[in-house]
Amino acid sequence: MLVVSACSDTSTTTDAGNTPPSAGVESAATTVAGSSATLIGDADELLSGAIAAVGTRYEFITSVDLTGGTLTLVAGRIYDDASAYLITTAASELEYVITPDGRWVREPGDQWVTLQEVAPLVDPLSILATPTTIEVLAVDDTTVTMAATYLGATLGFPDTDEVTIELVITGSRLTSLRYQAAAGPNIATVDTKISTALDIAPVTAPIPAG
């Protein structure tokens, strides 16, 4: 989602915006293209730092494009330990709010309904901190592009052994990610843009109908 597995049938929950743990995590194997080693240093530390630099308050827009022709757009807002999402397809729109007090869903403008099951959403940042391999693809004065590989099940794709994500770090902060993975009979292309700002609105629990 920043929804990492919007098309997956497997729901995964994480604490949105938490700084990913590094202690006790084995560093990923790192491959540096060309002579970038003198500019990059440790790519594993670079990725962890770029994820941490996003902080706990950010917004994202994700497109999930299936080869079968279905396009899903996810607009999300993370505010500390709460999150809000608008999921749009050709046929419907759904809003989700997730806080420590519960999970709610509605069609835009309708009444909020309390969810008993886990919402089909996932914050990707903490998951991205622990790849199995990292390859630095390109470096310039402001941007680093790397390819990081993860176990498919970790990202919510149990039918895929591994998923490689192209990550873009601008300045010191992760700003976008893109990958492809099997989603049933189709291939999902997931493209996420991440933004941070000082005026991101808090996410508050709605008042359900009744």
C-alpha atoms as a PDB file:
ATOM      1  CA  MET A   1       0.000   0.000   0.000  1.00  0.00           C
ATOM      2  CA  LEU A   2       2.571   2.330   0.111  1.00  0.00           C
ATOM      3  CA  VAL A   3       0.205  -0.445   0.181  1.00  0.00           C
ATOM      4  CA  VAL A   4       2.534  -3.240  -0.616  1.00  0.00           C
ATOM      5  CA  SER A   5       0.061  -6.016  -1.322  1.00  0.00           C
ATOM      6  CA  ALA A   6      -3.196  -4.415  -2.354  1.00  0.00           C
ATOM      7  CA  CYS A   7      -3.967  -7.297  -4.695  1.00  0.00           C
ATOM      8  CA  SER A   8      -3.055 -10.085  -2.326  1.00  0.00           C
ATOM      9  CA  ASP A   9      -5.615 -12.255  -0.575  1.00  0.00           C
ATOM     10  CA  THR A  10      -3.334 -12.355   2.444  1.00  0.00           C
ATOM     11  CA  SER A  11      -3.885  -9.528   4.941  1.00  0.00           C
ATOM     12  CA  THR A  12      -0.933  -8.326   6.980  1.00  0.00           C
ATOM     13  CA  THR A  13      -0.871  -5.717   9.702  1.00  0.00           C
ATOM     14  CA  THR A  14       2.011  -3.633  10.970  1.00  0.00           C
ATOM     15  CA  ASP A  15       2.346  -0.622  13.213  1.00  0.00           C
ATOM     16  CA  ALA A  16       2.166   2.243  10.735  1.00  0.00           C
ATOM     17  CA  GLY A  17       5.111   4.577  10.710  1.00  0.00           C
ATOM     18  CA  ASN A  18       7.233   2.742  13.291  1.00  0.00           C
ATOM     19  CA  THR A  19      10.961   3.090  12.800  1.00  0.00           C
ATOM     20  CA  PRO A  20      12.077  -0.336  11.526  1.00  0.00           C
ATOM     21  CA  PRO A  21      14.213  -2.380  13.915  1.00  0.00           C
ATOM     22  CA  SER A  22      17.828  -2.967  13.009  1.00  0.00           C
ATOM     23  CA  ALA A  23      19.287  -4.720  16.035  1.00  0.00           C
ATOM     24  CA  GLY A  24      19.517  -8.463  15.562  1.00  0.00           C
ATOM     25  CA  VAL A  25      18.622  -8.300  11.865  1.00  0.00           C
ATOM     26  CA  GLU A  26      21.181  -9.845   9.569  1.00  0.00           C
ATOM     27  CA  SER A  27      22.330  -7.377   6.916  1.00  0.00           C
ATOM     28  CA  ALA A  28      21.276  -8.137   3.382  1.00  0.00           C
ATOM     29  CA  ALA A  29      23.829  -9.063   0.791  1.00  0.00           C
ATOM     30  CA  THR A  30      24.764  -5.871  -1.042  1.00  0.00           C
ATOM     31  CA  THR A  31      25.773  -5.513  -4.685  1.00  0.00           C
ATOM     32  CA  VAL A  32      26.918  -2.113  -5.908  1.00  0.00           C
ATOM     33  CA  ALA A  33      26.806  -1.417  -9.625  1.00  0.00           C
ATOM     34  CA  GLY A  34      29.889   0.138 -11.206  1.00  0.00           C
ATOM     35  CA  SER A  35      32.018   2.305  -8.900  1.00  0.00           C
ATOM     36  CA  SER A  36      29.182   3.441  -6.652  1.00  0.00           C
ATOM     37  CA  ALA A  37      30.714   1.801  -3.578  1.00  0.00           C
ATOM     38  CA  THR A  38      32.762   4.910  -2.817  1.00  0.00           C
ATOM     39  CA  LEU A  39      29.596   7.029  -2.888  1.00  0.00           C
ATOM     40  CA  ILE A  40      27.152   4.729  -1.121  1.00  0.00           C
ATOM     41  CA  GLY A  41      28.891   2.886   1.674  1.00  0.00           C
ATOM     42  CA  ASP A  42      26.598   0.291   3.226  1.00  0.00           C
ATOM     43  CA  ALA A  43      23.393   0.023   1.178  1.00  0.00           C
ATOM     44  CA  ASP A  44      21.607  -1.792   3.975  1.00  0.00           C
ATOM     45  CA  GLU A  45      22.209   1.122   6.356  1.00  0.00           C
ATOM     46  CA  LEU A  46      21.280   3.588   3.619  1.00  0.00           C
ATOM     47  CA  LEU A  47      17.897   1.903   3.104  1.00  0.00           C
ATOM     48  CA  SER A  48      17.169   1.679   6.834  1.00  0.00           C
ATOM     49  CA  GLY A  49      18.040   5.350   7.257  1.00  0.00           C
ATOM     50  CA  ALA A  50      15.896   6.376   4.272  1.00  0.00           C
ATOM     51  CA  ILE A  51      12.874   4.543   5.702  1.00  0.00           C
ATOM     52  CA  ALA A  52      13.405   6.063   9.155  1.00  0.00           C
ATOM     53  CA  ALA A  53      13.715   9.535   7.569  1.00  0.00           C
ATOM     54  CA  VAL A  54      10.138   9.304   6.276  1.00  0.00           C
ATOM     55  CA  GLY A  55       9.031   9.446   9.893  1.00  0.00           C
ATOM     56  CA  THR A  56       5.645   8.544  11.324  1.00  0.00           C
ATOM     57  CA  ARG A  57       3.535  11.126   9.456  1.00  0.00           C
ATOM     58  CA  TYR A  58       3.338  10.876   5.691  1.00  0.00           C
ATOM     59  CA  GLU A  59       1.016  10.445   2.725  1.00  0.00           C
ATOM     60  CA  PHE A  60       1.224   8.159  -0.276  1.00  0.00           C
ATOM     61  CA  ILE A  61      -0.484   7.335  -3.543  1.00  0.00           C
ATOM     62  CA  THR A  62      -0.292   3.802  -4.922  1.00  0.00           C
ATOM     63  CA  SER A  63      -1.485   2.460  -8.260  1.00  0.00           C
ATOM     64  CA  VAL A  64      -2.001  -1.276  -8.677  1.00  0.00           C
ATOM     65  CA  ASP A  65      -2.302  -2.225 -12.345  1.00  0.00           C
ATOM     66  CA  LEU A  66      -3.275  -5.814 -13.194  1.00  0.00           C
ATOM     67  CA  THR A  67      -2.531  -7.391 -16.568  1.00  0.00           C
ATOM     68  CA  GLY A  68      -6.212  -8.357 -16.681  1.00  0.00           C
ATOM     69  CA  GLY A  69      -7.095  -4.680 -17.012  1.00  0.00           C
ATOM     70  CA  THR A  70      -8.053  -3.774 -13.432  1.00  0.00           C
ATOM     71  CA  LEU A  71      -6.600  -0.564 -12.018  1.00  0.00           C
ATOM     72  CA  THR A  72      -6.762   0.176  -8.301  1.00  0.00           C
ATOM     73  CA  LEU A  73      -5.694   3.483  -6.762  1.00  0.00           C
ATOM     74  CA  VAL A  74      -4.917   3.807  -3.067  1.00  0.00           C
ATOM     75  CA  ALA A  75      -4.496   7.200  -1.405  1.00  0.00           C
ATOM     76  CA  GLY A  76      -3.271   6.876   2.152  1.00  0.00           C
ATOM     77  CA  ARG A  77      -2.343   8.977   5.163  1.00  0.00           C
ATOM     78  CA  ILE A  78      -0.258   7.717   8.068  1.00  0.00           C
ATOM     79  CA  TYR A  79      -0.279   9.721  11.285  1.00  0.00           C
ATOM     80  CA  ASP A  80       1.715   8.080  14.060  1.00  0.00           C
ATOM     81  CA  ASP A  81      -0.179   4.910  15.011  1.00  0.00           C
ATOM     82  CA  ALA A  82      -3.300   5.653  12.932  1.00  0.00           C
ATOM     83  CA  SER A  83      -3.967   5.500   9.192  1.00  0.00           C
ATOM     84  CA  ALA A  84      -6.642   6.369   6.631  1.00  0.00           C
ATOM     85  CA  TYR A  85      -7.047   5.018   3.097  1.00  0.00           C
ATOM     86  CA  LEU A  86      -9.252   5.633   0.077  1.00  0.00           C
ATOM     87  CA  ILE A  87      -9.286   2.682  -2.330  1.00  0.00           C
ATOM     88  CA  THR A  88     -10.701   3.405  -5.771  1.00  0.00           C
ATOM     89  CA  THR A  89     -11.481   0.967  -8.574  1.00  0.00           C
ATOM     90  CA  ALA A  90     -13.569   1.362 -11.711  1.00  0.00           C
ATOM     91  CA  ALA A  91     -16.588  -0.035  -9.865  1.00  0.00           C
ATOM     92  CA  SER A  92     -16.317   1.300  -6.329  1.00  0.00           C
ATOM     93  CA  GLU A  93     -14.673   3.451  -3.688  1.00  0.00           C
ATOM     94  CA  LEU A  94     -14.044   2.457  -0.086  1.00  0.00           C
ATOM     95  CA  GLU A  95     -12.600   4.427   2.798  1.00  0.00           C
ATOM     96  CA  TYR A  96     -10.807   2.774   5.704  1.00  0.00           C
ATOM     97  CA  VAL A  97      -9.701   4.221   9.029  1.00  0.00           C
ATOM     98  CA  ILE A  98      -7.459   2.212  11.344  1.00  0.00           C
ATOM     99  CA  THR A  99      -6.523   3.376  14.837  1.00  0.00           C
ATOM    100  CA  PRO A 100      -5.457   1.594  18.032  1.00  0.00           C
ATOM    101  CA  ASP A 101      -9.150   1.646  19.013  1.00  0.00           C
ATOM    102  CA  GLY A 102     -10.446  -0.241  15.973  1.00  0.00           C
ATOM    103  CA  ARG A 103     -11.022  -0.416  12.209  1.00  0.00           C
ATOM    104  CA  TRP A 104     -13.821   1.174  10.169  1.00  0.00           C
ATOM    105  CA  VAL A 105     -14.967   1.174   6.541  1.00  0.00           C
ATOM    106  CA  ARG A 106     -17.522   3.094   4.459  1.00  0.00           C
ATOM    107  CA  GLU A 107     -18.379   4.171   0.962  1.00  0.00           C
ATOM    108  CA  PRO A 108     -17.524   7.890   0.631  1.00  0.00           C
ATOM    109  CA  GLY A 109     -20.280  10.005   2.164  1.00  0.00           C
ATOM    110  CA  ASP A 110     -21.994   7.010   3.761  1.00  0.00           C
ATOM    111  CA  GLN A 111     -22.042   5.905   7.412  1.00  0.00           C
ATOM    112  CA  TRP A 112     -18.982   4.309   8.995  1.00  0.00           C
ATOM    113  CA  VAL A 113     -19.220   0.586   9.799  1.00  0.00           C
ATOM    114  CA  THR A 114     -17.009  -1.105  12.379  1.00  0.00           C
ATOM    115  CA  LEU A 115     -14.892  -3.911  10.923  1.00  0.00           C
ATOM    116  CA  GLN A 116     -14.560  -7.122  12.892  1.00  0.00           C
ATOM    117  CA  GLU A 117     -11.949  -8.579  10.548  1.00  0.00           C
ATOM    118  CA  VAL A 118      -8.528  -7.202   9.713  1.00  0.00           C
ATOM    119  CA  ALA A 119      -8.598  -4.439   7.112  1.00  0.00           C
ATOM    120  CA  PRO A 120      -7.004  -5.542   3.789  1.00  0.00           C
ATOM    121  CA  LEU A 121      -4.221  -2.982   4.013  1.00  0.00           C
ATOM    122  CA  VAL A 122      -0.588  -2.905   4.970  1.00  0.00           C
ATOM    123  CA  ASP A 123       1.967  -0.241   5.774  1.00  0.00           C
ATOM    124  CA  PRO A 124       5.001  -1.188   3.676  1.00  0.00           C
ATOM    125  CA  LEU A 125       7.783   0.728   5.357  1.00  0.00           C
ATOM    126  CA  SER A 126       8.702  -1.584   8.215  1.00  0.00           C
ATOM    127  CA  ILE A 127       8.591  -4.575   5.861  1.00  0.00           C
ATOM    128  CA  LEU A 128      10.978  -2.872   3.426  1.00  0.00           C
ATOM    129  CA  ALA A 129      13.701  -2.576   6.072  1.00  0.00           C
ATOM    130  CA  THR A 130      14.676  -6.260   5.868  1.00  0.00           C
ATOM    131  CA  PRO A 131      15.463  -7.337   2.266  1.00  0.00           C
ATOM    132  CA  THR A 132      17.443 -10.462   1.492  1.00  0.00           C
ATOM    133  CA  THR A 133      19.616  -8.698  -1.122  1.00  0.00           C
ATOM    134  CA  ILE A 134      20.201  -5.117  -2.248  1.00  0.00           C
ATOM    135  CA  GLU A 135      21.676  -3.892  -5.527  1.00  0.00           C
ATOM    136  CA  VAL A 136      22.449  -0.205  -6.026  1.00  0.00           C
ATOM    137  CA  LEU A 137      21.411   0.602  -9.599  1.00  0.00           C
ATOM    138  CA  ALA A 138      22.238   4.295  -9.982  1.00  0.00           C
ATOM    139  CA  VAL A 139      23.598   7.252  -8.018  1.00  0.00           C
ATOM    140  CA  ASP A 140      23.659  10.979  -8.729  1.00  0.00           C
ATOM    141  CA  ASP A 141      24.003  14.120  -6.625  1.00  0.00           C
ATOM    142  CA  THR A 142      20.550  13.824  -5.027  1.00  0.00           C
ATOM    143  CA  THR A 143      19.128  10.377  -5.818  1.00  0.00           C
ATOM    144  CA  VAL A 144      19.987   6.738  -5.196  1.00  0.00           C
ATOM    145  CA  THR A 145      18.066   3.995  -6.989  1.00  0.00           C
ATOM    146  CA  MET A 146      18.349   0.474  -5.661  1.00  0.00           C
ATOM    147  CA  ALA A 147      16.742  -2.922  -6.203  1.00  0.00           C
ATOM    148  CA  ALA A 148      15.918  -4.835  -3.029  1.00  0.00           C
ATOM    149  CA  THR A 149      14.656  -8.420  -2.992  1.00  0.00           C
ATOM    150  CA  TYR A 150      12.187  -9.750  -0.417  1.00  0.00           C
ATOM    151  CA  LEU A 151      10.475 -13.060   0.250  1.00  0.00           C
ATOM    152  CA  GLY A 152       7.106 -13.050  -1.476  1.00  0.00           C
ATOM    153  CA  ALA A 153       5.273 -14.233   1.644  1.00  0.00           C
ATOM    154  CA  THR A 154       6.731 -11.340   3.627  1.00  0.00           C
ATOM    155  CA  LEU A 155       5.035  -8.892   1.264  1.00  0.00           C
ATOM    156  CA  GLY A 156       1.729 -10.779   1.198  1.00  0.00           C
ATOM    157  CA  PHE A 157       2.332 -12.757  -2.022  1.00  0.00           C
ATOM    158  CA  PRO A 158       2.462 -16.423  -0.878  1.00  0.00           C
ATOM    159  CA  ASP A 159       2.464 -17.712  -4.476  1.00  0.00           C
ATOM    160  CA  THR A 160       5.676 -15.830  -5.316  1.00  0.00           C
ATOM    161  CA  ASP A 161       9.045 -16.959  -3.936  1.00  0.00           C
ATOM    162  CA  GLU A 162      10.736 -13.570  -4.237  1.00  0.00           C
ATOM    163  CA  VAL A 163       9.737 -10.021  -5.139  1.00  0.00           C
ATOM    164  CA  THR A 164      12.247  -7.388  -6.243  1.00  0.00           C
ATOM    165  CA  ILE A 165      11.318  -3.771  -5.516  1.00  0.00           C
ATOM    166  CA  GLU A 166      12.914  -0.742  -7.135  1.00  0.00           C
ATOM    167  CA  LEU A 167      13.380   1.878  -4.423  1.00  0.00           C
ATOM    168  CA  VAL A 168      14.219   5.541  -4.975  1.00  0.00           C
ATOM    169  CA  ILE A 169      15.898   7.575  -2.223  1.00  0.00           C
ATOM    170  CA  THR A 170      15.921  11.340  -2.745  1.00  0.00           C
ATOM    171  CA  GLY A 171      18.202  13.252  -0.419  1.00  0.00           C
ATOM    172  CA  SER A 172      18.107  10.967   2.596  1.00  0.00           C
ATOM    173  CA  ARG A 173      14.452   9.882   2.371  1.00  0.00           C
ATOM    174  CA  LEU A 174      12.623   7.073   0.597  1.00  0.00           C
ATOM    175  CA  THR A 175      10.327   8.726  -1.961  1.00  0.00           C
ATOM    176  CA  SER A 176       9.020   5.959  -4.226  1.00  0.00           C
ATOM    177  CA  LEU A 177       8.892   2.238  -4.838  1.00  0.00           C
ATOM    178  CA  ARG A 178       7.819   0.062  -7.750  1.00  0.00           C
ATOM    179  CA  TYR A 179       7.525  -3.686  -8.256  1.00  0.00           C
ATOM    180  CA  GLN A 180       5.688  -6.492 -10.035  1.00  0.00           C
ATOM    181  CA  ALA A 181       4.307  -9.668  -8.479  1.00  0.00           C
ATOM    182  CA  ALA A 182       1.924 -12.498  -9.326  1.00  0.00           C
ATOM    183  CA  ALA A 183      -1.649 -11.866  -8.151  1.00  0.00           C
ATOM    184  CA  GLY A 184      -3.668 -14.974  -8.969  1.00  0.00           C
ATOM    185  CA  PRO A 185      -3.658 -15.405 -12.771  1.00  0.00           C
ATOM    186  CA  ASN A 186      -2.454 -11.832 -13.304  1.00  0.00           C
ATOM    187  CA  ILE A 187       0.679  -9.784 -12.775  1.00  0.00           C
ATOM    188  CA  ALA A 188       0.281  -6.757 -10.524  1.00  0.00           C
ATOM    189  CA  THR A 189       2.437  -3.692 -11.175  1.00  0.00           C
ATOM    190  CA  VAL A 190       2.542  -1.622  -7.988  1.00  0.00           C
ATOM    191  CA  ASP A 191       3.825   1.964  -8.051  1.00  0.00           C
ATOM    192  CA  THR A 192       3.921   4.082  -4.866  1.00  0.00           C
ATOM    193  CA  LYS A 193       4.875   7.722  -4.314  1.00  0.00           C
ATOM    194  CA  ILE A 194       5.577   8.871  -0.743  1.00  0.00           C
ATOM    195  CA  SER A 195       5.347  12.447   0.490  1.00  0.00           C
ATOM    196  CA  THR A 196       5.894  14.153   3.825  1.00  0.00           C
ATOM    197  CA  ALA A 197       4.728  17.564   5.011  1.00  0.00           C
ATOM    198  CA  LEU A 198       4.385  19.510   8.247  1.00  0.00           C
ATOM    199  CA  ASP A 199       0.629  19.991   7.853  1.00  0.00           C
ATOM    200  CA  ILE A 200      -0.539  16.383   7.521  1.00  0.00           C
ATOM    201  CA  ALA A 201      -3.890  16.112   9.289  1.00  0.00           C
ATOM    202  CA  PRO A 202      -4.255  13.672  12.197  1.00  0.00           C
ATOM    203  CA  VAL A 203      -6.281  10.506  11.683  1.00  0.00           C
ATOM    204  CA  THR A 204      -9.108  10.200  14.201  1.00  0.00           C
ATOM    205  CA  ALA A 205     -11.532   7.384  14.897  1.00  0.00           C
ATOM    206  CA  PRO A 206     -14.925   7.936  13.227  1.00  0.00           C
ATOM    207  CA  ILE A 207     -18.281   7.578  14.966  1.00  0.00           C
ATOM    208  CA  PRO A 208     -20.087   4.540  13.492  1.00  0.00           C
ATOM    209  CA  ALA A 209     -23.788   4.637  12.749  1.00  0.00           C
ATOM    210  CA  GLY A 210     -26.045   3.448  15.531  1.00  0.00           C
END
